[in-house]
Amino acid sequence: MSVKITLEIGQPAPVFSLMSDEKNCVNLPDLLRGQDLLLAFIHGTWCPHCVQTLYRLRRASTTFSSAGIGIAVVAIDAPDALNIFRRTAEPSIPFVLLADEDETAHKSYGLQHLSAYIALNNEGIVRAVFLDKDHHNYPGHTAIIQSLRSRP
């Protein structure tokens, strides 16, 4: 599969507004709020590999939080499906789950039918793009943190 990612390192990330699992409208500036951000784009809670990603991020969430990095997951799911997942997840999910049912955000990031981890600095500038084409390429929290700490 040929992949054309529209994101460029050093450029502003596309701004989006999506519905959270709690049915709140959330946009990219809301998520940044003066902190760096890891955006994880996944297929959905119906995808076993994506569920593994959610729990992997859950385990790393305190490490990211300690480093001043927020986490938001953008899934091709309905808000209700994400809410059910949140309510039944053990241990609980401490980060934002965003519904991208029509893949508007996925498409604006050039990630239609792809999973990826996007590291944004606190101004919304793309610092790193880690594609996860086969659901086995989690870059690790150290690589993500380093991408946000190194300056161009």
C-alpha atoms as a PDB file:
ATOM      1  CA  MET A   1       0.000   0.000   0.000  1.00  0.00           C
ATOM      2  CA  SER A   2       1.366   3.391  -0.987  1.00  0.00           C
ATOM      3  CA  VAL A   3       1.139   5.889   1.858  1.00  0.00           C
ATOM      4  CA  LYS A   4       1.107   9.656   1.371  1.00  0.00           C
ATOM      5  CA  ILE A   5       1.261  11.451   4.698  1.00  0.00           C
ATOM      6  CA  THR A   6       0.362  15.137   4.473  1.00  0.00           C
ATOM      7  CA  LEU A   7       2.005  16.085   7.772  1.00  0.00           C
ATOM      8  CA  GLU A   8       5.367  17.810   7.752  1.00  0.00           C
ATOM      9  CA  ILE A   9       7.715  18.020  10.708  1.00  0.00           C
ATOM     10  CA  GLY A  10       7.969  21.627  11.875  1.00  0.00           C
ATOM     11  CA  GLN A  11       4.585  22.623  10.432  1.00  0.00           C
ATOM     12  CA  PRO A  12       1.331  23.299  12.318  1.00  0.00           C
ATOM     13  CA  ALA A  13      -0.936  20.286  12.707  1.00  0.00           C
ATOM     14  CA  PRO A  14      -4.390  20.496  11.118  1.00  0.00           C
ATOM     15  CA  VAL A  15      -6.938  21.789  13.603  1.00  0.00           C
ATOM     16  CA  PHE A  16      -9.988  19.613  14.198  1.00  0.00           C
ATOM     17  CA  SER A  17     -13.136  19.518  16.312  1.00  0.00           C
ATOM     18  CA  LEU A  18     -14.415  16.105  17.338  1.00  0.00           C
ATOM     19  CA  MET A  19     -16.962  14.701  19.766  1.00  0.00           C
ATOM     20  CA  SER A  20     -15.507  13.025  22.842  1.00  0.00           C
ATOM     21  CA  ASP A  21     -16.847   9.828  24.365  1.00  0.00           C
ATOM     22  CA  GLU A  22     -18.585  12.089  26.896  1.00  0.00           C
ATOM     23  CA  LYS A  23     -20.267  13.956  23.997  1.00  0.00           C
ATOM     24  CA  ASN A  24     -18.278  17.156  24.449  1.00  0.00           C
ATOM     25  CA  CYS A  25     -16.968  18.987  21.402  1.00  0.00           C
ATOM     26  CA  VAL A  26     -13.169  19.024  21.679  1.00  0.00           C
ATOM     27  CA  ASN A  27     -10.784  20.818  19.347  1.00  0.00           C
ATOM     28  CA  LEU A  28      -7.016  20.661  19.022  1.00  0.00           C
ATOM     29  CA  PRO A  29      -6.313  23.921  20.935  1.00  0.00           C
ATOM     30  CA  ASP A  30      -8.383  22.534  23.861  1.00  0.00           C
ATOM     31  CA  LEU A  31      -6.105  19.491  23.963  1.00  0.00           C
ATOM     32  CA  LEU A  32      -2.873  21.472  23.843  1.00  0.00           C
ATOM     33  CA  ARG A  33      -3.615  23.920  26.700  1.00  0.00           C
ATOM     34  CA  GLY A  34       0.071  24.767  27.057  1.00  0.00           C
ATOM     35  CA  GLN A  35       1.274  21.153  27.036  1.00  0.00           C
ATOM     36  CA  ASP A  36       2.811  18.872  24.435  1.00  0.00           C
ATOM     37  CA  LEU A  37       0.448  16.262  23.021  1.00  0.00           C
ATOM     38  CA  LEU A  38       0.567  12.729  21.716  1.00  0.00           C
ATOM     39  CA  LEU A  39      -2.261  12.112  19.261  1.00  0.00           C
ATOM     40  CA  ALA A  40      -2.852   8.426  18.627  1.00  0.00           C
ATOM     41  CA  PHE A  41      -4.915   7.685  15.533  1.00  0.00           C
ATOM     42  CA  ILE A  42      -6.484   4.218  15.662  1.00  0.00           C
ATOM     43  CA  HIS A  43      -9.220   2.326  13.841  1.00  0.00           C
ATOM     44  CA  GLY A  44     -11.533   1.729  16.792  1.00  0.00           C
ATOM     45  CA  THR A  45     -12.461  -0.202  19.887  1.00  0.00           C
ATOM     46  CA  TRP A  46     -13.646  -3.077  17.666  1.00  0.00           C
ATOM     47  CA  CYS A  47     -10.027  -3.627  16.524  1.00  0.00           C
ATOM     48  CA  PRO A  48      -8.041  -5.929  18.864  1.00  0.00           C
ATOM     49  CA  HIS A  49      -4.718  -4.263  17.972  1.00  0.00           C
ATOM     50  CA  CYS A  50      -6.203  -0.836  18.659  1.00  0.00           C
ATOM     51  CA  VAL A  51      -7.463  -1.962  22.053  1.00  0.00           C
ATOM     52  CA  GLN A  52      -3.893  -3.099  22.795  1.00  0.00           C
ATOM     53  CA  THR A  53      -2.751   0.406  21.810  1.00  0.00           C
ATOM     54  CA  LEU A  54      -5.223   1.954  24.256  1.00  0.00           C
ATOM     55  CA  TYR A  55      -3.933  -0.203  27.108  1.00  0.00           C
ATOM     56  CA  ARG A  56      -0.299   0.406  26.104  1.00  0.00           C
ATOM     57  CA  LEU A  57      -0.950   4.150  26.269  1.00  0.00           C
ATOM     58  CA  ARG A  58      -2.755   3.649  29.579  1.00  0.00           C
ATOM     59  CA  ARG A  59       0.348   2.000  31.049  1.00  0.00           C
ATOM     60  CA  ALA A  60       2.558   4.840  29.770  1.00  0.00           C
ATOM     61  CA  SER A  61       0.152   7.649  30.706  1.00  0.00           C
ATOM     62  CA  THR A  62       1.872   8.567  33.995  1.00  0.00           C
ATOM     63  CA  THR A  63       5.245   8.697  32.224  1.00  0.00           C
ATOM     64  CA  PHE A  64       3.807  11.041  29.605  1.00  0.00           C
ATOM     65  CA  SER A  65       1.996  13.110  32.222  1.00  0.00           C
ATOM     66  CA  SER A  66       5.202  13.495  34.261  1.00  0.00           C
ATOM     67  CA  ALA A  67       6.918  14.752  31.110  1.00  0.00           C
ATOM     68  CA  GLY A  68       4.154  17.327  30.511  1.00  0.00           C
ATOM     69  CA  ILE A  69       2.643  15.437  27.583  1.00  0.00           C
ATOM     70  CA  GLY A  70      -1.079  14.906  27.215  1.00  0.00           C
ATOM     71  CA  ILE A  71      -2.629  12.017  25.301  1.00  0.00           C
ATOM     72  CA  ALA A  72      -5.660  11.989  23.031  1.00  0.00           C
ATOM     73  CA  VAL A  73      -6.860   9.039  20.977  1.00  0.00           C
ATOM     74  CA  VAL A  74      -8.737   9.619  17.722  1.00  0.00           C
ATOM     75  CA  ALA A  75     -10.787   6.547  16.771  1.00  0.00           C
ATOM     76  CA  ILE A  76     -13.065   5.684  13.872  1.00  0.00           C
ATOM     77  CA  ASP A  77     -15.871   5.011  16.312  1.00  0.00           C
ATOM     78  CA  ALA A  78     -19.074   6.626  17.506  1.00  0.00           C
ATOM     79  CA  PRO A  79     -19.010   8.546  20.800  1.00  0.00           C
ATOM     80  CA  ASP A  80     -21.316   5.939  22.383  1.00  0.00           C
ATOM     81  CA  ALA A  81     -18.963   3.069  21.452  1.00  0.00           C
ATOM     82  CA  LEU A  82     -16.026   4.954  22.966  1.00  0.00           C
ATOM     83  CA  ASN A  83     -18.049   5.698  26.086  1.00  0.00           C
ATOM     84  CA  ILE A  84     -18.932   2.025  26.544  1.00  0.00           C
ATOM     85  CA  PHE A  85     -15.257   1.158  26.174  1.00  0.00           C
ATOM     86  CA  ARG A  86     -14.253   3.767  28.760  1.00  0.00           C
ATOM     87  CA  ARG A  87     -16.884   2.604  31.264  1.00  0.00           C
ATOM     88  CA  THR A  88     -15.877  -1.053  30.951  1.00  0.00           C
ATOM     89  CA  ALA A  89     -12.100  -0.671  30.634  1.00  0.00           C
ATOM     90  CA  GLU A  90     -10.000  -2.116  33.452  1.00  0.00           C
ATOM     91  CA  PRO A  91      -7.888  -0.362  34.472  1.00  0.00           C
ATOM     92  CA  SER A  92      -9.592   2.897  33.569  1.00  0.00           C
ATOM     93  CA  ILE A  93      -8.530   5.037  30.633  1.00  0.00           C
ATOM     94  CA  PRO A  94      -7.218   8.439  31.866  1.00  0.00           C
ATOM     95  CA  PHE A  95      -7.035  10.289  28.542  1.00  0.00           C
ATOM     96  CA  VAL A  96      -9.403  11.785  25.988  1.00  0.00           C
ATOM     97  CA  LEU A  97     -11.158   9.489  23.508  1.00  0.00           C
ATOM     98  CA  LEU A  98     -12.373  11.252  20.368  1.00  0.00           C
ATOM     99  CA  ALA A  99     -14.877   9.969  17.814  1.00  0.00           C
ATOM    100  CA  ASP A 100     -13.911  10.390  14.155  1.00  0.00           C
ATOM    101  CA  GLU A 101     -16.732   8.351  12.603  1.00  0.00           C
ATOM    102  CA  ASP A 102     -16.399   9.822   9.108  1.00  0.00           C
ATOM    103  CA  GLU A 103     -12.578   9.933   9.315  1.00  0.00           C
ATOM    104  CA  THR A 104     -12.476  13.714   8.849  1.00  0.00           C
ATOM    105  CA  ALA A 105      -9.511  14.121  11.211  1.00  0.00           C
ATOM    106  CA  HIS A 106      -7.807  10.972   9.906  1.00  0.00           C
ATOM    107  CA  LYS A 107      -8.073  12.342   6.343  1.00  0.00           C
ATOM    108  CA  SER A 108      -6.876  15.842   7.292  1.00  0.00           C
ATOM    109  CA  TYR A 109      -3.746  14.241   8.778  1.00  0.00           C
ATOM    110  CA  GLY A 110      -3.302  11.983   5.719  1.00  0.00           C
ATOM    111  CA  LEU A 111      -4.017   8.916   7.835  1.00  0.00           C
ATOM    112  CA  GLN A 112      -7.071   7.391   6.190  1.00  0.00           C
ATOM    113  CA  HIS A 113      -7.033   3.646   6.985  1.00  0.00           C
ATOM    114  CA  LEU A 114      -3.813   4.061   8.995  1.00  0.00           C
ATOM    115  CA  SER A 115      -2.844   4.014  12.636  1.00  0.00           C
ATOM    116  CA  ALA A 116      -0.200   6.481  13.790  1.00  0.00           C
ATOM    117  CA  TYR A 117       1.261   8.369  16.715  1.00  0.00           C
ATOM    118  CA  ILE A 118       1.703  12.116  16.150  1.00  0.00           C
ATOM    119  CA  ALA A 119       3.819  14.143  18.585  1.00  0.00           C
ATOM    120  CA  LEU A 120       2.851  17.828  18.757  1.00  0.00           C
ATOM    121  CA  ASN A 121       4.565  20.503  20.789  1.00  0.00           C
ATOM    122  CA  ASN A 122       2.508  22.837  22.968  1.00  0.00           C
ATOM    123  CA  GLU A 123       1.986  25.199  20.034  1.00  0.00           C
ATOM    124  CA  GLY A 124       0.525  22.454  17.815  1.00  0.00           C
ATOM    125  CA  ILE A 125       3.659  22.032  15.695  1.00  0.00           C
ATOM    126  CA  VAL A 126       4.316  18.516  14.383  1.00  0.00           C
ATOM    127  CA  ARG A 127       7.514  17.197  15.983  1.00  0.00           C
ATOM    128  CA  ALA A 128       7.288  13.529  14.932  1.00  0.00           C
ATOM    129  CA  VAL A 129       5.112  11.113  12.983  1.00  0.00           C
ATOM    130  CA  PHE A 130       5.294   7.427  13.861  1.00  0.00           C
ATOM    131  CA  LEU A 131       3.264   5.277  11.454  1.00  0.00           C
ATOM    132  CA  ASP A 132       1.919   1.968  12.689  1.00  0.00           C
ATOM    133  CA  LYS A 133       1.049   0.289   9.380  1.00  0.00           C
ATOM    134  CA  ASP A 134       0.810  -3.244  10.769  1.00  0.00           C
ATOM    135  CA  HIS A 135      -0.164  -2.487  14.404  1.00  0.00           C
ATOM    136  CA  HIS A 136       3.217  -3.680  15.672  1.00  0.00           C
ATOM    137  CA  ASN A 137       5.241  -0.461  15.454  1.00  0.00           C
ATOM    138  CA  TYR A 138       4.677   1.388  18.709  1.00  0.00           C
ATOM    139  CA  PRO A 139       7.674   3.736  18.898  1.00  0.00           C
ATOM    140  CA  GLY A 140       7.896   3.562  22.686  1.00  0.00           C
ATOM    141  CA  HIS A 141       7.363   6.402  25.100  1.00  0.00           C
ATOM    142  CA  THR A 142      11.088   7.228  25.222  1.00  0.00           C
ATOM    143  CA  ALA A 143      11.202   7.947  21.463  1.00  0.00           C
ATOM    144  CA  ILE A 144       8.045  10.041  21.673  1.00  0.00           C
ATOM    145  CA  ILE A 145       9.341  12.078  24.614  1.00  0.00           C
ATOM    146  CA  GLN A 146      12.727  12.569  22.929  1.00  0.00           C
ATOM    147  CA  SER A 147      11.032  13.801  19.740  1.00  0.00           C
ATOM    148  CA  LEU A 148       9.312  16.485  21.786  1.00  0.00           C
ATOM    149  CA  ARG A 149      12.390  17.451  23.790  1.00  0.00           C
ATOM    150  CA  SER A 150      14.800  17.780  20.866  1.00  0.00           C
ATOM    151  CA  ARG A 151      14.622  21.157  19.220  1.00  0.00           C
ATOM    152  CA  PRO A 152      15.045  21.715  15.472  1.00  0.00           C
END
